[in-house]
Amino acid sequence: MHSGGVFAAVRLLPGDELIAGLRCLQPDTGNEAMTVVTCAGRLRSANIGHADVNCGRLYEGRSEIVSLAGTMDRHHRHLHISNVDTEGEVFGAHLLPGSAVCTTAGIVALILPDLSFGRAPCDRSGFDERTITKRKAEA
């Protein structure tokens, strides 16, 4: 599905919550979809949800964000993060609320105002999966 978009960027400061910082990039109205283009920065704590586990794991201590990718709209998010700790060990999976910036995090995202992301059951995977629909033009 094709869509136009607008790039947006933000720099988060020490103590800022990563997902809340992403949400501030979305306009104040509508249900705009967006995708993360890039993120560079450091976290002081990372709340990560691993596959087939019902709760998150909080990693305390400084880590570098190696990658952050995914999609979100006002109601849903599907974000994956990879971090490297001070020993060079890489960890990551689903980014959950509660991940705090250490020094800074620079994020660039692409806002997709004519699309809407959702979740719906998928017969093939057995899970609720991402849906993408065109938003109807507002009168």
N, C-alpha and C. Protein backbone atom coordinates (compact mmCIF):
# COMPACT_ATOMS: atom_id res chain seq x y z
N MET A 1 0.85 -1.16 0.00
CA MET A 1 0.00 0.00 0.00
C MET A 1 0.90 1.24 0.00
N HIS A 2 0.66 2.15 -0.92
CA HIS A 2 1.47 3.35 -1.04
C HIS A 2 0.91 4.46 -0.16
N SER A 3 1.82 5.32 0.33
CA SER A 3 1.42 6.42 1.18
C SER A 3 2.41 7.55 1.07
N GLY A 4 1.93 8.77 1.20
CA GLY A 4 2.82 9.90 1.36
C GLY A 4 3.18 10.02 2.83
N GLY A 5 4.17 10.83 3.13
CA GLY A 5 4.55 10.97 4.52
C GLY A 5 5.35 12.23 4.77
N VAL A 6 5.54 12.51 6.04
CA VAL A 6 6.30 13.68 6.49
C VAL A 6 7.29 13.22 7.54
N PHE A 7 8.56 13.59 7.36
CA PHE A 7 9.57 13.24 8.35
C PHE A 7 9.44 14.16 9.56
N ALA A 8 9.71 13.59 10.73
CA ALA A 8 9.72 14.35 11.98
C ALA A 8 10.89 13.86 12.81
N ALA A 9 11.45 14.74 13.63
CA ALA A 9 12.60 14.38 14.46
C ALA A 9 12.43 14.97 15.85
N VAL A 10 13.03 14.29 16.83
CA VAL A 10 13.00 14.77 18.21
C VAL A 10 14.29 14.31 18.90
N ARG A 11 14.75 15.13 19.82
CA ARG A 11 15.85 14.74 20.69
C ARG A 11 15.28 14.60 22.09
N LEU A 12 15.42 13.41 22.66
CA LEU A 12 14.96 13.17 24.03
C LEU A 12 16.10 13.42 25.00
N LEU A 13 15.75 13.81 26.20
CA LEU A 13 16.71 14.21 27.21
C LEU A 13 16.79 13.17 28.33
N PRO A 14 17.79 13.27 29.20
CA PRO A 14 17.92 12.31 30.31
C PRO A 14 16.61 12.19 31.10
N GLY A 15 16.22 10.93 31.34
CA GLY A 15 15.00 10.65 32.10
C GLY A 15 13.75 10.53 31.26
N ASP A 16 13.77 11.03 30.02
CA ASP A 16 12.60 10.90 29.15
C ASP A 16 12.31 9.43 28.87
N GLU A 17 11.03 9.12 28.74
CA GLU A 17 10.60 7.76 28.41
C GLU A 17 10.55 7.62 26.90
N LEU A 18 11.15 6.56 26.36
CA LEU A 18 11.36 6.42 24.92
C LEU A 18 10.05 6.36 24.13
N ILE A 19 9.09 5.56 24.53
CA ILE A 19 7.83 5.46 23.78
C ILE A 19 7.06 6.77 23.86
N ALA A 20 7.03 7.41 25.02
CA ALA A 20 6.35 8.71 25.15
C ALA A 20 7.00 9.73 24.22
N GLY A 21 8.32 9.67 24.10
CA GLY A 21 9.02 10.57 23.18
C GLY A 21 8.64 10.33 21.74
N LEU A 22 8.47 9.08 21.37
CA LEU A 22 8.00 8.75 20.02
C LEU A 22 6.60 9.29 19.80
N ARG A 23 5.74 9.12 20.78
CA ARG A 23 4.36 9.59 20.65
C ARG A 23 4.28 11.10 20.46
N CYS A 24 5.22 11.86 21.01
CA CYS A 24 5.16 13.32 20.87
C CYS A 24 5.40 13.75 19.43
N LEU A 25 5.90 12.85 18.60
CA LEU A 25 6.10 13.17 17.18
C LEU A 25 4.80 13.15 16.39
N GLN A 26 3.79 12.47 16.91
CA GLN A 26 2.52 12.38 16.20
C GLN A 26 1.72 13.67 16.38
N PRO A 27 1.07 14.10 15.34
CA PRO A 27 0.25 15.32 15.47
C PRO A 27 -0.83 15.16 16.53
N ASP A 28 -1.37 16.27 17.00
CA ASP A 28 -2.34 16.26 18.08
C ASP A 28 -3.72 15.75 17.67
N THR A 29 -3.98 15.65 16.38
CA THR A 29 -5.30 15.21 15.95
C THR A 29 -5.19 13.98 15.06
N GLY A 30 -6.27 13.25 14.96
CA GLY A 30 -6.32 12.09 14.07
C GLY A 30 -5.67 10.87 14.68
N ASN A 31 -5.53 9.86 13.86
CA ASN A 31 -4.99 8.58 14.26
C ASN A 31 -3.84 8.22 13.32
N GLU A 32 -2.90 9.14 13.18
CA GLU A 32 -1.84 8.99 12.20
C GLU A 32 -0.92 7.83 12.53
N ALA A 33 -0.51 7.14 11.51
CA ALA A 33 0.45 6.05 11.64
C ALA A 33 1.85 6.63 11.45
N MET A 34 2.83 5.95 12.02
CA MET A 34 4.21 6.35 11.78
C MET A 34 5.12 5.15 11.88
N THR A 35 6.30 5.30 11.29
CA THR A 35 7.33 4.29 11.37
C THR A 35 8.62 4.95 11.81
N VAL A 36 9.40 4.25 12.60
CA VAL A 36 10.67 4.77 13.06
C VAL A 36 11.70 4.55 11.95
N VAL A 37 12.39 5.62 11.58
CA VAL A 37 13.43 5.55 10.55
C VAL A 37 14.78 5.24 11.19
N THR A 38 15.11 5.96 12.27
CA THR A 38 16.37 5.72 12.96
C THR A 38 16.31 6.27 14.37
N CYS A 39 17.14 5.74 15.22
CA CYS A 39 17.27 6.23 16.60
C CYS A 39 18.70 5.95 17.05
N ALA A 40 19.34 6.96 17.60
CA ALA A 40 20.67 6.80 18.18
C ALA A 40 20.64 7.43 19.56
N GLY A 41 21.18 6.74 20.54
CA GLY A 41 21.20 7.29 21.87
C GLY A 41 21.55 6.25 22.91
N ARG A 42 21.35 6.64 24.17
CA ARG A 42 21.68 5.77 25.29
C ARG A 42 20.49 5.69 26.24
N LEU A 43 20.31 4.49 26.81
CA LEU A 43 19.27 4.28 27.81
C LEU A 43 19.93 4.00 29.16
N ARG A 44 19.21 4.37 30.23
CA ARG A 44 19.66 3.99 31.58
C ARG A 44 18.89 2.77 32.07
N SER A 45 17.74 2.52 31.44
CA SER A 45 16.98 1.30 31.70
C SER A 45 16.18 0.97 30.43
N ALA A 46 16.03 -0.31 30.18
CA ALA A 46 15.31 -0.76 28.99
C ALA A 46 14.31 -1.83 29.40
N ASN A 47 13.02 -1.59 29.12
CA ASN A 47 11.98 -2.56 29.40
C ASN A 47 11.69 -3.31 28.11
N ILE A 48 12.00 -4.60 28.11
CA ILE A 48 11.97 -5.41 26.90
C ILE A 48 11.01 -6.58 27.09
N GLY A 49 10.18 -6.82 26.07
CA GLY A 49 9.29 -7.99 26.07
C GLY A 49 9.83 -9.04 25.12
N HIS A 50 10.16 -10.19 25.65
CA HIS A 50 10.70 -11.28 24.83
C HIS A 50 9.58 -12.17 24.30
N ALA A 51 9.84 -12.85 23.21
CA ALA A 51 8.85 -13.71 22.55
C ALA A 51 8.33 -14.77 23.52
N ASP A 52 7.02 -14.97 23.44
CA ASP A 52 6.33 -16.00 24.21
C ASP A 52 6.46 -15.84 25.73
N VAL A 53 6.71 -14.62 26.18
CA VAL A 53 6.75 -14.32 27.62
C VAL A 53 5.71 -13.24 27.87
N ASN A 54 4.89 -13.42 28.90
CA ASN A 54 3.76 -12.51 29.14
C ASN A 54 4.12 -11.22 29.88
N CYS A 55 5.36 -11.08 30.33
CA CYS A 55 5.73 -9.84 31.03
C CYS A 55 7.08 -9.37 30.50
N GLY A 56 7.36 -8.11 30.78
CA GLY A 56 8.62 -7.54 30.32
C GLY A 56 9.75 -7.83 31.29
N ARG A 57 10.95 -7.61 30.80
CA ARG A 57 12.15 -7.72 31.64
C ARG A 57 12.80 -6.35 31.64
N LEU A 58 13.05 -5.81 32.82
CA LEU A 58 13.68 -4.51 32.94
C LEU A 58 15.19 -4.69 33.06
N TYR A 59 15.91 -4.17 32.07
CA TYR A 59 17.37 -4.19 32.08
C TYR A 59 17.83 -2.85 32.66
N GLU A 60 18.47 -2.89 33.82
CA GLU A 60 18.98 -1.67 34.46
C GLU A 60 20.43 -1.48 34.05
N GLY A 61 20.85 -0.23 33.95
CA GLY A 61 22.23 0.08 33.60
C GLY A 61 22.30 0.68 32.21
N ARG A 62 23.38 1.38 31.95
CA ARG A 62 23.55 2.08 30.69
C ARG A 62 23.70 1.13 29.51
N SER A 63 23.07 1.50 28.41
CA SER A 63 23.22 0.74 27.17
C SER A 63 23.08 1.69 25.98
N GLU A 64 23.72 1.33 24.89
CA GLU A 64 23.61 2.08 23.64
C GLU A 64 22.49 1.47 22.81
N ILE A 65 21.67 2.33 22.19
CA ILE A 65 20.66 1.86 21.26
C ILE A 65 21.37 1.55 19.95
N VAL A 66 21.34 0.28 19.54
CA VAL A 66 21.95 -0.14 18.29
C VAL A 66 20.95 0.02 17.15
N SER A 67 19.69 -0.29 17.43
CA SER A 67 18.65 -0.10 16.43
C SER A 67 17.30 0.01 17.12
N LEU A 68 16.40 0.73 16.46
CA LEU A 68 15.01 0.82 16.88
C LEU A 68 14.19 0.89 15.60
N ALA A 69 13.27 -0.04 15.46
CA ALA A 69 12.46 -0.10 14.24
C ALA A 69 11.06 -0.54 14.62
N GLY A 70 10.10 -0.12 13.81
CA GLY A 70 8.74 -0.57 14.02
C GLY A 70 7.73 0.46 13.60
N THR A 71 6.48 0.19 13.95
CA THR A 71 5.37 1.05 13.57
C THR A 71 4.52 1.34 14.80
N MET A 72 3.82 2.47 14.72
CA MET A 72 2.87 2.79 15.79
C MET A 72 1.85 3.78 15.29
N ASP A 73 0.70 3.78 15.95
CA ASP A 73 -0.29 4.82 15.76
C ASP A 73 -0.83 5.15 17.15
N ARG A 74 -1.91 5.88 17.23
CA ARG A 74 -2.40 6.33 18.53
C ARG A 74 -2.82 5.18 19.45
N HIS A 75 -3.17 4.03 18.89
CA HIS A 75 -3.70 2.93 19.69
C HIS A 75 -2.79 1.72 19.76
N HIS A 76 -1.89 1.57 18.83
CA HIS A 76 -1.07 0.37 18.74
C HIS A 76 0.39 0.74 18.53
N ARG A 77 1.25 -0.18 18.90
CA ARG A 77 2.67 -0.04 18.59
C ARG A 77 3.26 -1.43 18.41
N HIS A 78 4.23 -1.52 17.55
CA HIS A 78 5.00 -2.74 17.37
C HIS A 78 6.43 -2.29 17.09
N LEU A 79 7.20 -2.18 18.16
CA LEU A 79 8.55 -1.64 18.10
C LEU A 79 9.55 -2.68 18.59
N HIS A 80 10.64 -2.83 17.85
CA HIS A 80 11.73 -3.72 18.25
C HIS A 80 12.96 -2.87 18.50
N ILE A 81 13.68 -3.20 19.56
CA ILE A 81 14.89 -2.47 19.91
C ILE A 81 16.02 -3.45 20.14
N SER A 82 17.23 -3.03 19.76
CA SER A 82 18.45 -3.76 20.09
C SER A 82 19.37 -2.79 20.81
N ASN A 83 19.92 -3.23 21.93
CA ASN A 83 20.83 -2.43 22.73
C ASN A 83 22.11 -3.22 22.96
N VAL A 84 23.19 -2.52 23.27
CA VAL A 84 24.43 -3.17 23.67
C VAL A 84 24.84 -2.58 25.02
N ASP A 85 25.16 -3.46 25.96
CA ASP A 85 25.52 -3.00 27.31
C ASP A 85 27.01 -2.63 27.37
N THR A 86 27.47 -2.26 28.55
CA THR A 86 28.86 -1.81 28.70
C THR A 86 29.88 -2.93 28.52
N GLU A 87 29.43 -4.17 28.52
CA GLU A 87 30.31 -5.32 28.29
C GLU A 87 30.30 -5.76 26.83
N GLY A 88 29.51 -5.08 26.00
CA GLY A 88 29.42 -5.44 24.59
C GLY A 88 28.39 -6.50 24.28
N GLU A 89 27.57 -6.86 25.26
CA GLU A 89 26.53 -7.86 25.06
C GLU A 89 25.28 -7.19 24.47
N VAL A 90 24.75 -7.80 23.42
CA VAL A 90 23.56 -7.26 22.75
C VAL A 90 22.32 -7.94 23.31
N PHE A 91 21.28 -7.13 23.55
CA PHE A 91 20.00 -7.66 24.00
C PHE A 91 18.89 -6.84 23.37
N GLY A 92 17.74 -7.43 23.26
CA GLY A 92 16.62 -6.68 22.71
C GLY A 92 15.45 -7.58 22.38
N ALA A 93 14.38 -6.97 21.95
CA ALA A 93 13.14 -7.61 21.49
C ALA A 93 12.10 -6.50 21.42
N HIS A 94 10.88 -6.74 21.90
CA HIS A 94 9.82 -5.73 21.85
C HIS A 94 10.09 -4.63 22.87
N LEU A 95 10.07 -3.38 22.41
CA LEU A 95 10.21 -2.24 23.31
C LEU A 95 8.89 -2.04 24.05
N LEU A 96 8.97 -1.98 25.38
CA LEU A 96 7.80 -1.77 26.22
C LEU A 96 7.92 -0.43 26.94
N PRO A 97 6.79 0.12 27.41
CA PRO A 97 6.87 1.36 28.19
C PRO A 97 7.76 1.17 29.41
N GLY A 98 8.46 2.23 29.78
CA GLY A 98 9.32 2.17 30.95
C GLY A 98 10.79 2.15 30.63
N SER A 99 11.18 2.47 29.40
CA SER A 99 12.58 2.56 29.01
C SER A 99 13.00 4.02 29.08
N ALA A 100 14.00 4.31 29.93
CA ALA A 100 14.38 5.69 30.20
C ALA A 100 15.69 6.07 29.53
N VAL A 101 15.72 7.26 28.95
CA VAL A 101 16.91 7.79 28.28
C VAL A 101 17.97 8.11 29.33
N CYS A 102 19.23 7.82 28.99
CA CYS A 102 20.35 8.11 29.88
C CYS A 102 20.92 9.50 29.59
N THR A 103 21.47 9.70 28.40
CA THR A 103 22.07 10.98 28.05
C THR A 103 21.25 11.71 26.99
N THR A 104 20.93 11.01 25.92
CA THR A 104 20.14 11.58 24.83
C THR A 104 19.64 10.45 23.94
N ALA A 105 18.63 10.74 23.17
CA ALA A 105 18.17 9.82 22.11
C ALA A 105 17.64 10.69 20.98
N GLY A 106 18.23 10.57 19.82
CA GLY A 106 17.76 11.28 18.65
C GLY A 106 16.95 10.33 17.78
N ILE A 107 15.72 10.72 17.49
CA ILE A 107 14.81 9.85 16.75
C ILE A 107 14.32 10.58 15.51
N VAL A 108 14.33 9.87 14.38
CA VAL A 108 13.71 10.36 13.15
C VAL A 108 12.62 9.35 12.80
N ALA A 109 11.43 9.86 12.51
CA ALA A 109 10.29 9.00 12.16
C ALA A 109 9.63 9.54 10.91
N LEU A 110 8.87 8.69 10.26
CA LEU A 110 8.08 9.08 9.10
C LEU A 110 6.61 8.98 9.50
N ILE A 111 5.92 10.13 9.53
CA ILE A 111 4.50 10.18 9.84
C ILE A 111 3.73 9.84 8.56
N LEU A 112 2.76 8.94 8.66
CA LEU A 112 1.98 8.45 7.51
C LEU A 112 0.51 8.80 7.73
N PRO A 113 0.12 10.05 7.49
CA PRO A 113 -1.22 10.51 7.88
C PRO A 113 -2.37 9.87 7.13
N ASP A 114 -2.12 9.27 5.96
CA ASP A 114 -3.22 8.68 5.20
C ASP A 114 -3.36 7.17 5.44
N LEU A 115 -2.60 6.63 6.42
CA LEU A 115 -2.71 5.22 6.76
C LEU A 115 -3.14 5.06 8.21
N SER A 116 -3.68 3.90 8.51
CA SER A 116 -4.01 3.53 9.87
C SER A 116 -3.51 2.11 10.11
N PHE A 117 -2.84 1.92 11.22
CA PHE A 117 -2.39 0.58 11.61
C PHE A 117 -3.36 0.04 12.64
N GLY A 118 -3.54 -1.25 12.64
CA GLY A 118 -4.39 -1.90 13.63
C GLY A 118 -3.88 -3.30 13.92
N ARG A 119 -4.69 -4.06 14.61
CA ARG A 119 -4.38 -5.46 14.92
C ARG A 119 -5.63 -6.27 14.64
N ALA A 120 -5.44 -7.45 14.07
CA ALA A 120 -6.57 -8.35 13.81
C ALA A 120 -6.05 -9.78 13.83
N PRO A 121 -6.92 -10.73 14.19
CA PRO A 121 -6.51 -12.14 14.18
C PRO A 121 -6.06 -12.58 12.79
N CYS A 122 -5.01 -13.38 12.76
CA CYS A 122 -4.49 -13.93 11.51
C CYS A 122 -4.62 -15.45 11.58
N ASP A 123 -5.36 -16.01 10.64
CA ASP A 123 -5.55 -17.46 10.62
C ASP A 123 -4.25 -18.22 10.40
N ARG A 124 -3.33 -17.65 9.64
CA ARG A 124 -2.08 -18.34 9.32
C ARG A 124 -1.11 -18.36 10.50
N SER A 125 -1.00 -17.24 11.24
CA SER A 125 -0.03 -17.20 12.35
C SER A 125 -0.64 -17.61 13.69
N GLY A 126 -1.97 -17.42 13.81
CA GLY A 126 -2.61 -17.70 15.07
C GLY A 126 -2.53 -16.56 16.08
N PHE A 127 -1.99 -15.42 15.65
CA PHE A 127 -1.84 -14.26 16.53
C PHE A 127 -2.58 -13.06 15.95
N ASP A 128 -2.79 -12.05 16.78
CA ASP A 128 -3.25 -10.76 16.28
C ASP A 128 -2.06 -10.11 15.59
N GLU A 129 -2.21 -9.78 14.32
CA GLU A 129 -1.11 -9.23 13.53
C GLU A 129 -1.45 -7.83 13.03
N ARG A 130 -0.43 -7.11 12.58
CA ARG A 130 -0.55 -5.74 12.07
C ARG A 130 -1.47 -5.71 10.85
N THR A 131 -2.39 -4.76 10.84
CA THR A 131 -3.19 -4.48 9.65
C THR A 131 -2.84 -3.07 9.19
N ILE A 132 -2.95 -2.84 7.90
CA ILE A 132 -2.68 -1.52 7.31
C ILE A 132 -3.85 -1.17 6.43
N THR A 133 -4.47 -0.03 6.71
CA THR A 133 -5.60 0.41 5.89
C THR A 133 -5.42 1.87 5.52
N LYS A 134 -6.01 2.23 4.38
CA LYS A 134 -6.05 3.64 3.96
C LYS A 134 -7.08 4.35 4.79
N ARG A 135 -6.74 5.53 5.30
CA ARG A 135 -7.71 6.33 6.02
C ARG A 135 -8.62 7.04 5.04
N LYS A 136 -9.86 7.17 5.42
CA LYS A 136 -10.82 7.88 4.58
C LYS A 136 -10.56 9.37 4.67
N ALA A 137 -10.70 10.06 3.55
CA ALA A 137 -10.54 11.51 3.53
C ALA A 137 -11.59 12.15 4.41
N GLU A 138 -11.17 13.12 5.22
CA GLU A 138 -12.11 13.83 6.09
C GLU A 138 -12.80 14.94 5.31
N ALA A 139 -14.09 15.11 5.58
CA ALA A 139 -14.87 16.13 4.87
C ALA A 139 -14.61 17.51 5.41
